[in-house]
């Protein structure tokens, strides 16, 4: 399953992890130097939420940011109860 928000379309972003060695000049060293750069990916904070979509309740995967902004209409709580079985 793709790690993409179903409402905003937010996906993963490319970036890099930078290794540095040495002590900063402020702290009494001769300065830091980059020793390696490797690729990495920043993944969106996806949440599985029960939402109302076209009058239908279903699960969707949306980012936490979309939830905070109020872009998702959450499904109403169930009010009915299961019928009791007579013994």
PDB file of N, CA and C in Angstrom:
ATOM      1  N   UNK A   1       0.846  -1.181   0.000  1.00  0.00           N
ATOM      2  CA  UNK A   1       0.000   0.000   0.000  1.00  0.00           C
ATOM      3  C   UNK A   1       0.891   1.244   0.000  1.00  0.00           C
ATOM      4  N   UNK A   2       0.545   2.200  -0.848  1.00  0.00           N
ATOM      5  CA  UNK A   2       1.347   3.412  -0.965  1.00  0.00           C
ATOM      6  C   UNK A   2       1.186   4.294   0.273  1.00  0.00           C
ATOM      7  N   UNK A   3       2.267   4.938   0.665  1.00  0.00           N
ATOM      8  CA  UNK A   3       2.227   5.813   1.836  1.00  0.00           C
ATOM      9  C   UNK A   3       1.872   7.221   1.384  1.00  0.00           C
ATOM     10  N   UNK A   4       0.611   7.385   0.944  1.00  0.00           N
ATOM     11  CA  UNK A   4       0.119   8.662   0.434  1.00  0.00           C
ATOM     12  C   UNK A   4      -1.200   8.991   1.121  1.00  0.00           C
ATOM     13  N   UNK A   5      -1.370  10.257   1.510  1.00  0.00           N
ATOM     14  CA  UNK A   5      -2.619  10.713   2.120  1.00  0.00           C
ATOM     15  C   UNK A   5      -3.716  10.705   1.060  1.00  0.00           C
ATOM     16  N   UNK A   6      -4.885  10.159   1.396  1.00  0.00           N
ATOM     17  CA  UNK A   6      -5.981  10.048   0.434  1.00  0.00           C
ATOM     18  C   UNK A   6      -6.705  11.376   0.211  1.00  0.00           C
ATOM     19  N   UNK A   7      -6.488  12.354   1.079  1.00  0.00           N
ATOM     20  CA  UNK A   7      -7.157  13.650   0.920  1.00  0.00           C
ATOM     21  C   UNK A   7      -6.222  14.692   0.321  1.00  0.00           C
ATOM     22  N   UNK A   8      -5.057  14.874   0.916  1.00  0.00           N
ATOM     23  CA  UNK A   8      -4.134  15.919   0.456  1.00  0.00           C
ATOM     24  C   UNK A   8      -3.162  15.434  -0.611  1.00  0.00           C
ATOM     25  N   UNK A   9      -2.955  14.119  -0.712  1.00  0.00           N
ATOM     26  CA  UNK A   9      -2.016  13.584  -1.692  1.00  0.00           C
ATOM     27  C   UNK A   9      -0.565  13.682  -1.241  1.00  0.00           C
ATOM     28  N   UNK A  10      -0.341  13.994   0.033  1.00  0.00           N
ATOM     29  CA  UNK A  10       1.014  14.106   0.562  1.00  0.00           C
ATOM     30  C   UNK A  10       1.699  12.744   0.554  1.00  0.00           C
ATOM     31  N   UNK A  11       2.910  12.703   0.036  1.00  0.00           N
ATOM     32  CA  UNK A  11       3.665  11.464  -0.010  1.00  0.00           C
ATOM     33  C   UNK A  11       5.013  11.624   0.661  1.00  0.00           C
ATOM     34  N   UNK A  12       5.918  10.692   0.379  1.00  0.00           N
ATOM     35  CA  UNK A  12       7.243  10.759   0.987  1.00  0.00           C
ATOM     36  C   UNK A  12       8.094  11.816   0.271  1.00  0.00           C
ATOM     37  N   UNK A  13       9.093  12.350   1.006  1.00  0.00           N
ATOM     38  CA  UNK A  13       9.981  13.376   0.465  1.00  0.00           C
ATOM     39  C   UNK A  13      11.406  12.871   0.585  1.00  0.00           C
ATOM     40  N   UNK A  14      12.220  13.137  -0.447  1.00  0.00           N
ATOM     41  CA  UNK A  14      13.616  12.720  -0.417  1.00  0.00           C
ATOM     42  C   UNK A  14      14.460  13.709   0.375  1.00  0.00           C
ATOM     43  N   UNK A  15      15.482  13.193   1.028  1.00  0.00           N
ATOM     44  CA  UNK A  15      16.399  14.037   1.779  1.00  0.00           C
ATOM     45  C   UNK A  15      17.712  13.311   1.948  1.00  0.00           C
ATOM     46  N   UNK A  16      18.570  13.826   2.815  1.00  0.00           N
ATOM     47  CA  UNK A  16      19.828  13.144   3.061  1.00  0.00           C
ATOM     48  C   UNK A  16      20.218  13.220   4.521  1.00  0.00           C
ATOM     49  N   UNK A  17      20.940  12.200   4.942  1.00  0.00           N
ATOM     50  CA  UNK A  17      21.447  12.125   6.310  1.00  0.00           C
ATOM     51  C   UNK A  17      22.929  12.468   6.226  1.00  0.00           C
ATOM     52  N   UNK A  18      23.368  13.492   6.955  1.00  0.00           N
ATOM     53  CA  UNK A  18      24.745  13.968   6.868  1.00  0.00           C
ATOM     54  C   UNK A  18      25.511  13.611   8.135  1.00  0.00           C
ATOM     55  N   UNK A  19      26.626  12.860   7.966  1.00  0.00           N
ATOM     56  CA  UNK A  19      27.507  12.536   9.077  1.00  0.00           C
ATOM     57  C   UNK A  19      28.587  13.596   9.168  1.00  0.00           C
ATOM     58  N   UNK A  20      28.826  14.074  10.372  1.00  0.00           N
ATOM     59  CA  UNK A  20      29.879  15.051  10.582  1.00  0.00           C
ATOM     60  C   UNK A  20      30.841  14.537  11.643  1.00  0.00           C
ATOM     61  N   UNK A  21      32.094  14.911  11.521  1.00  0.00           N
ATOM     62  CA  UNK A  21      33.067  14.559  12.556  1.00  0.00           C
ATOM     63  C   UNK A  21      33.843  15.807  12.943  1.00  0.00           C
ATOM     64  N   UNK A  22      34.402  15.783  14.120  1.00  0.00           N
ATOM     65  CA  UNK A  22      35.171  16.926  14.590  1.00  0.00           C
ATOM     66  C   UNK A  22      34.412  17.704  15.637  1.00  0.00           C
ATOM     67  N   UNK A  23      35.096  18.676  16.221  1.00  0.00           N
ATOM     68  CA  UNK A  23      34.515  19.499  17.278  1.00  0.00           C
ATOM     69  C   UNK A  23      34.306  20.909  16.747  1.00  0.00           C
ATOM     70  N   UNK A  24      33.160  21.499  17.078  1.00  0.00           N
ATOM     71  CA  UNK A  24      32.829  22.835  16.588  1.00  0.00           C
ATOM     72  C   UNK A  24      33.848  23.866  17.065  1.00  0.00           C
ATOM     73  N   UNK A  25      34.096  24.895  16.255  1.00  0.00           N
ATOM     74  CA  UNK A  25      35.042  25.952  16.625  1.00  0.00           C
ATOM     75  C   UNK A  25      34.603  26.672  17.893  1.00  0.00           C
ATOM     76  N   UNK A  26      33.273  26.845  18.042  1.00  0.00           N
ATOM     77  CA  UNK A  26      32.738  27.503  19.244  1.00  0.00           C
ATOM     78  C   UNK A  26      33.124  26.751  20.513  1.00  0.00           C
ATOM     79  N   UNK A  27      33.243  25.427  20.366  1.00  0.00           N
ATOM     80  CA  UNK A  27      33.526  24.595  21.533  1.00  0.00           C
ATOM     81  C   UNK A  27      35.017  24.296  21.693  1.00  0.00           C
ATOM     82  N   UNK A  28      35.853  24.994  20.927  1.00  0.00           N
ATOM     83  CA  UNK A  28      37.301  24.843  21.097  1.00  0.00           C
ATOM     84  C   UNK A  28      37.965  23.888  20.132  1.00  0.00           C
ATOM     85  N   UNK A  29      37.246  23.440  19.111  1.00  0.00           N
ATOM     86  CA  UNK A  29      37.838  22.514  18.142  1.00  0.00           C
ATOM     87  C   UNK A  29      38.328  23.245  16.909  1.00  0.00           C
ATOM     88  N   UNK A  30      38.658  22.445  15.866  1.00  0.00           N
ATOM     89  CA  UNK A  30      39.130  23.057  14.618  1.00  0.00           C
ATOM     90  C   UNK A  30      38.029  23.094  13.557  1.00  0.00           C
ATOM     91  N   UNK A  31      36.782  22.754  13.963  1.00  0.00           N
ATOM     92  CA  UNK A  31      35.642  22.793  13.046  1.00  0.00           C
ATOM     93  C   UNK A  31      35.183  21.408  12.647  1.00  0.00           C
ATOM     94  N   UNK A  32      33.911  21.305  12.288  1.00  0.00           N
ATOM     95  CA  UNK A  32      33.368  20.007  11.879  1.00  0.00           C
ATOM     96  C   UNK A  32      33.516  19.826  10.374  1.00  0.00           C
ATOM     97  N   UNK A  33      33.599  18.568   9.960  1.00  0.00           N
ATOM     98  CA  UNK A  33      33.729  18.239   8.542  1.00  0.00           C
ATOM     99  C   UNK A  33      32.724  17.156   8.193  1.00  0.00           C
ATOM    100  N   UNK A  34      32.168  17.233   6.996  1.00  0.00           N
ATOM    101  CA  UNK A  34      31.229  16.208   6.532  1.00  0.00           C
ATOM    102  C   UNK A  34      32.035  15.008   6.072  1.00  0.00           C
ATOM    103  N   UNK A  35      31.701  13.822   6.601  1.00  0.00           N
ATOM    104  CA  UNK A  35      32.434  12.612   6.225  1.00  0.00           C
ATOM    105  C   UNK A  35      31.619  11.717   5.298  1.00  0.00           C
ATOM    106  N   UNK A  36      30.283  11.807   5.347  1.00  0.00           N
ATOM    107  CA  UNK A  36      29.453  10.971   4.483  1.00  0.00           C
ATOM    108  C   UNK A  36      28.061  11.569   4.349  1.00  0.00           C
ATOM    109  N   UNK A  37      27.460  11.344   3.195  1.00  0.00           N
ATOM    110  CA  UNK A  37      26.069  11.747   2.968  1.00  0.00           C
ATOM    111  C   UNK A  37      25.345  10.545   2.378  1.00  0.00           C
ATOM    112  N   UNK A  38      24.256  10.121   3.039  1.00  0.00           N
ATOM    113  CA  UNK A  38      23.463   9.020   2.502  1.00  0.00           C
ATOM    114  C   UNK A  38      22.035   9.491   2.282  1.00  0.00           C
ATOM    115  N   UNK A  39      21.361   8.871   1.323  1.00  0.00           N
ATOM    116  CA  UNK A  39      19.986   9.246   1.000  1.00  0.00           C
ATOM    117  C   UNK A  39      19.020   8.660   2.020  1.00  0.00           C
ATOM    118  N   UNK A  40      17.939   9.367   2.261  1.00  0.00           N
ATOM    119  CA  UNK A  40      16.878   8.885   3.147  1.00  0.00           C
ATOM    120  C   UNK A  40      15.544   9.443   2.666  1.00  0.00           C
ATOM    121  N   UNK A  41      14.452   8.949   3.275  1.00  0.00           N
ATOM    122  CA  UNK A  41      13.113   9.420   2.905  1.00  0.00           C
ATOM    123  C   UNK A  41      12.367   9.852   4.152  1.00  0.00           C
ATOM    124  N   UNK A  42      11.646  10.965   4.034  1.00  0.00           N
ATOM    125  CA  UNK A  42      10.796  11.450   5.114  1.00  0.00           C
ATOM    126  C   UNK A  42       9.381  10.985   4.805  1.00  0.00           C
ATOM    127  N   UNK A  43       8.824  10.143   5.685  1.00  0.00           N
ATOM    128  CA  UNK A  43       7.490   9.588   5.457  1.00  0.00           C
ATOM    129  C   UNK A  43       6.419  10.446   6.129  1.00  0.00           C
ATOM    130  N   UNK A  44       5.229  10.563   5.518  1.00  0.00           N
ATOM    131  CA  UNK A  44       4.148  11.323   6.144  1.00  0.00           C
ATOM    132  C   UNK A  44       3.578  10.558   7.341  1.00  0.00           C
ATOM    133  N   UNK A  45       3.035  11.294   8.305  1.00  0.00           N
ATOM    134  CA  UNK A  45       2.458  10.712   9.514  1.00  0.00           C
ATOM    135  C   UNK A  45       1.018  10.282   9.202  1.00  0.00           C
ATOM    136  N   UNK A  46       0.862   9.087   8.642  1.00  0.00           N
ATOM    137  CA  UNK A  46      -0.454   8.604   8.219  1.00  0.00           C
ATOM    138  C   UNK A  46      -1.204   7.937   9.368  1.00  0.00           C
ATOM    139  N   UNK A  47      -2.502   8.221   9.429  1.00  0.00           N
ATOM    140  CA  UNK A  47      -3.379   7.645  10.435  1.00  0.00           C
ATOM    141  C   UNK A  47      -4.553   6.971   9.715  1.00  0.00           C
ATOM    142  N   UNK A  48      -5.004   5.840  10.243  1.00  0.00           N
ATOM    143  CA  UNK A  48      -6.157   5.136   9.672  1.00  0.00           C
ATOM    144  C   UNK A  48      -7.392   5.632  10.420  1.00  0.00           C
ATOM    145  N   UNK A  49      -8.327   6.262   9.689  1.00  0.00           N
ATOM    146  CA  UNK A  49      -9.469   6.938  10.311  1.00  0.00           C
ATOM    147  C   UNK A  49     -10.766   6.494   9.642  1.00  0.00           C
ATOM    148  N   UNK A  50     -11.810   6.311  10.466  1.00  0.00           N
ATOM    149  CA  UNK A  50     -13.150   6.039   9.940  1.00  0.00           C
ATOM    150  C   UNK A  50     -13.758   7.384   9.578  1.00  0.00           C
ATOM    151  N   UNK A  51     -14.117   7.573   8.312  1.00  0.00           N
ATOM    152  CA  UNK A  51     -14.609   8.876   7.862  1.00  0.00           C
ATOM    153  C   UNK A  51     -15.853   8.733   6.993  1.00  0.00           C
ATOM    154  N   UNK A  52     -16.602   9.826   6.903  1.00  0.00           N
ATOM    155  CA  UNK A  52     -17.765   9.884   6.024  1.00  0.00           C
ATOM    156  C   UNK A  52     -17.317  10.375   4.662  1.00  0.00           C
ATOM    157  N   UNK A  53     -17.501   9.533   3.636  1.00  0.00           N
ATOM    158  CA  UNK A  53     -17.127   9.918   2.279  1.00  0.00           C
ATOM    159  C   UNK A  53     -18.297   9.605   1.363  1.00  0.00           C
ATOM    160  N   UNK A  54     -18.859  10.644   0.743  1.00  0.00           N
ATOM    161  CA  UNK A  54     -20.038  10.527  -0.128  1.00  0.00           C
ATOM    162  C   UNK A  54     -21.197   9.834   0.589  1.00  0.00           C
ATOM    163  N   UNK A  55     -21.405  10.178   1.877  1.00  0.00           N
ATOM    164  CA  UNK A  55     -22.490   9.602   2.659  1.00  0.00           C
ATOM    165  C   UNK A  55     -22.249   8.171   3.097  1.00  0.00           C
ATOM    166  N   UNK A  56     -21.030   7.688   2.924  1.00  0.00           N
ATOM    167  CA  UNK A  56     -20.692   6.306   3.239  1.00  0.00           C
ATOM    168  C   UNK A  56     -19.552   6.292   4.248  1.00  0.00           C
ATOM    169  N   UNK A  57     -19.631   5.398   5.228  1.00  0.00           N
ATOM    170  CA  UNK A  57     -18.575   5.296   6.235  1.00  0.00           C
ATOM    171  C   UNK A  57     -17.543   4.290   5.758  1.00  0.00           C
ATOM    172  N   UNK A  58     -16.275   4.737   5.697  1.00  0.00           N
ATOM    173  CA  UNK A  58     -15.200   3.814   5.342  1.00  0.00           C
ATOM    174  C   UNK A  58     -13.882   4.283   5.941  1.00  0.00           C
ATOM    175  N   UNK A  59     -12.921   3.382   5.987  1.00  0.00           N
ATOM    176  CA  UNK A  59     -11.597   3.703   6.524  1.00  0.00           C
ATOM    177  C   UNK A  59     -10.756   4.357   5.437  1.00  0.00           C
ATOM    178  N   UNK A  60     -10.057   5.417   5.816  1.00  0.00           N
ATOM    179  CA  UNK A  60      -9.122   6.056   4.895  1.00  0.00           C
ATOM    180  C   UNK A  60      -7.818   6.318   5.634  1.00  0.00           C
ATOM    181  N   UNK A  61      -6.747   6.484   4.867  1.00  0.00           N
ATOM    182  CA  UNK A  61      -5.447   6.808   5.446  1.00  0.00           C
ATOM    183  C   UNK A  61      -5.141   8.270   5.157  1.00  0.00           C
ATOM    184  N   UNK A  62      -5.083   9.078   6.204  1.00  0.00           N
ATOM    185  CA  UNK A  62      -4.830  10.513   6.050  1.00  0.00           C
ATOM    186  C   UNK A  62      -3.700  10.947   6.982  1.00  0.00           C
ATOM    187  N   UNK A  63      -3.073  12.065   6.641  1.00  0.00           N
ATOM    188  CA  UNK A  63      -1.997  12.580   7.479  1.00  0.00           C
ATOM    189  C   UNK A  63      -2.570  13.219   8.737  1.00  0.00           C
ATOM    190  N   UNK A  64      -1.760  13.250   9.782  1.00  0.00           N
ATOM    191  CA  UNK A  64      -2.160  13.873  11.040  1.00  0.00           C
ATOM    192  C   UNK A  64      -2.417  15.360  10.821  1.00  0.00           C
ATOM    193  N   UNK A  65      -1.686  15.960   9.884  1.00  0.00           N
ATOM    194  CA  UNK A  65      -1.854  17.378   9.556  1.00  0.00           C
ATOM    195  C   UNK A  65      -3.254  17.646   8.993  1.00  0.00           C
ATOM    196  N   UNK A  66      -3.762  16.754   8.134  1.00  0.00           N
ATOM    197  CA  UNK A  66      -5.105  16.901   7.569  1.00  0.00           C
ATOM    198  C   UNK A  66      -6.165  16.768   8.655  1.00  0.00           C
ATOM    199  N   UNK A  67      -5.932  15.886   9.631  1.00  0.00           N
ATOM    200  CA  UNK A  67      -6.859  15.725  10.745  1.00  0.00           C
ATOM    201  C   UNK A  67      -6.906  16.993  11.588  1.00  0.00           C
ATOM    202  N   UNK A  68      -5.733  17.576  11.859  1.00  0.00           N
ATOM    203  CA  UNK A  68      -5.660  18.797  12.665  1.00  0.00           C
ATOM    204  C   UNK A  68      -6.364  19.966  11.986  1.00  0.00           C
ATOM    205  N   UNK A  69      -6.248  20.040  10.655  1.00  0.00           N
ATOM    206  CA  UNK A  69      -6.864  21.131   9.902  1.00  0.00           C
ATOM    207  C   UNK A  69      -8.377  20.966   9.783  1.00  0.00           C
ATOM    208  N   UNK A  70      -8.895  19.788  10.098  1.00  0.00           N
ATOM    209  CA  UNK A  70     -10.335  19.543  10.016  1.00  0.00           C
ATOM    210  C   UNK A  70     -10.806  19.195   8.618  1.00  0.00           C
ATOM    211  N   UNK A  71      -9.920  18.638   7.791  1.00  0.00           N
ATOM    212  CA  UNK A  71     -10.289  18.277   6.423  1.00  0.00           C
ATOM    213  C   UNK A  71     -11.073  16.967   6.362  1.00  0.00           C
ATOM    214  N   UNK A  72     -11.096  16.233   7.482  1.00  0.00           N
ATOM    215  CA  UNK A  72     -11.765  14.930   7.525  1.00  0.00           C
ATOM    216  C   UNK A  72     -13.026  15.028   8.370  1.00  0.00           C
ATOM    217  N   UNK A  73     -14.158  14.530   7.826  1.00  0.00           N
ATOM    218  CA  UNK A  73     -15.398  14.450   8.596  1.00  0.00           C
ATOM    219  C   UNK A  73     -15.455  13.041   9.168  1.00  0.00           C
ATOM    220  N   UNK A  74     -15.274  12.947  10.488  1.00  0.00           N
ATOM    221  CA  UNK A  74     -15.257  11.633  11.116  1.00  0.00           C
ATOM    222  C   UNK A  74     -16.645  11.013  11.135  1.00  0.00           C
ATOM    223  N   UNK A  75     -16.685   9.695  11.126  1.00  0.00           N
ATOM    224  CA  UNK A  75     -17.951   8.958  11.131  1.00  0.00           C
ATOM    225  C   UNK A  75     -18.632   9.100  12.492  1.00  0.00           C
ATOM    226  N   UNK A  76     -19.984   9.156  12.511  1.00  0.00           N
ATOM    227  CA  UNK A  76     -20.697   9.244  13.794  1.00  0.00           C
ATOM    228  C   UNK A  76     -20.575   7.938  14.563  1.00  0.00           C
ATOM    229  N   UNK A  77     -20.691   8.022  15.881  1.00  0.00           N
ATOM    230  CA  UNK A  77     -20.617   6.831  16.732  1.00  0.00           C
ATOM    231  C   UNK A  77     -21.862   5.978  16.516  1.00  0.00           C
ATOM    232  N   UNK A  78     -21.709   4.676  16.669  1.00  0.00           N
ATOM    233  CA  UNK A  78     -22.859   3.774  16.538  1.00  0.00           C
ATOM    234  C   UNK A  78     -23.795   3.965  17.713  1.00  0.00           C
ATOM    235  N   UNK A  79     -25.109   4.004  17.439  1.00  0.00           N
ATOM    236  CA  UNK A  79     -26.086   4.166  18.519  1.00  0.00           C
ATOM    237  C   UNK A  79     -26.916   2.907  18.734  1.00  0.00           C
ATOM    238  N   UNK A  80     -26.978   2.044  17.754  1.00  0.00           N
ATOM    239  CA  UNK A  80     -27.787   0.841  17.894  1.00  0.00           C
ATOM    240  C   UNK A  80     -27.012  -0.242  18.622  1.00  0.00           C
ATOM    241  N   UNK A  81     -27.769  -1.155  19.243  1.00  0.00           N
ATOM    242  CA  UNK A  81     -27.159  -2.285  19.961  1.00  0.00           C
ATOM    243  C   UNK A  81     -27.541  -3.583  19.282  1.00  0.00           C
ATOM    244  N   UNK A  82     -26.729  -4.594  19.481  1.00  0.00           N
ATOM    245  CA  UNK A  82     -27.011  -5.901  18.909  1.00  0.00           C
ATOM    246  C   UNK A  82     -28.230  -6.501  19.589  1.00  0.00           C
ATOM    247  N   UNK A  83     -29.104  -7.186  18.831  1.00  0.00           N
ATOM    248  CA  UNK A  83     -30.267  -7.824  19.473  1.00  0.00           C
ATOM    249  C   UNK A  83     -29.832  -8.941  20.399  1.00  0.00           C
ATOM    250  N   UNK A  84     -30.518  -9.034  21.530  1.00  0.00           N
ATOM    251  CA  UNK A  84     -30.190 -10.057  22.522  1.00  0.00           C
ATOM    252  C   UNK A  84     -30.732 -11.412  22.089  1.00  0.00           C
ATOM    253  N   UNK A  85     -29.941 -12.453  22.331  1.00  0.00           N
ATOM    254  CA  UNK A  85     -30.340 -13.807  21.979  1.00  0.00           C
ATOM    255  C   UNK A  85     -31.032 -14.440  23.178  1.00  0.00           C
ATOM    256  N   UNK A  86     -32.271 -14.986  22.941  1.00  0.00           N
ATOM    257  CA  UNK A  86     -33.013 -15.630  24.032  1.00  0.00           C
ATOM    258  C   UNK A  86     -32.531 -17.056  24.199  1.00  0.00           C
ATOM    259  N   UNK A  87     -32.300 -17.469  25.445  1.00  0.00           N
ATOM    260  CA  UNK A  87     -31.802 -18.825  25.698  1.00  0.00           C
ATOM    261  C   UNK A  87     -32.921 -19.773  26.047  1.00  0.00           C
TER     262      UNK A  87
END
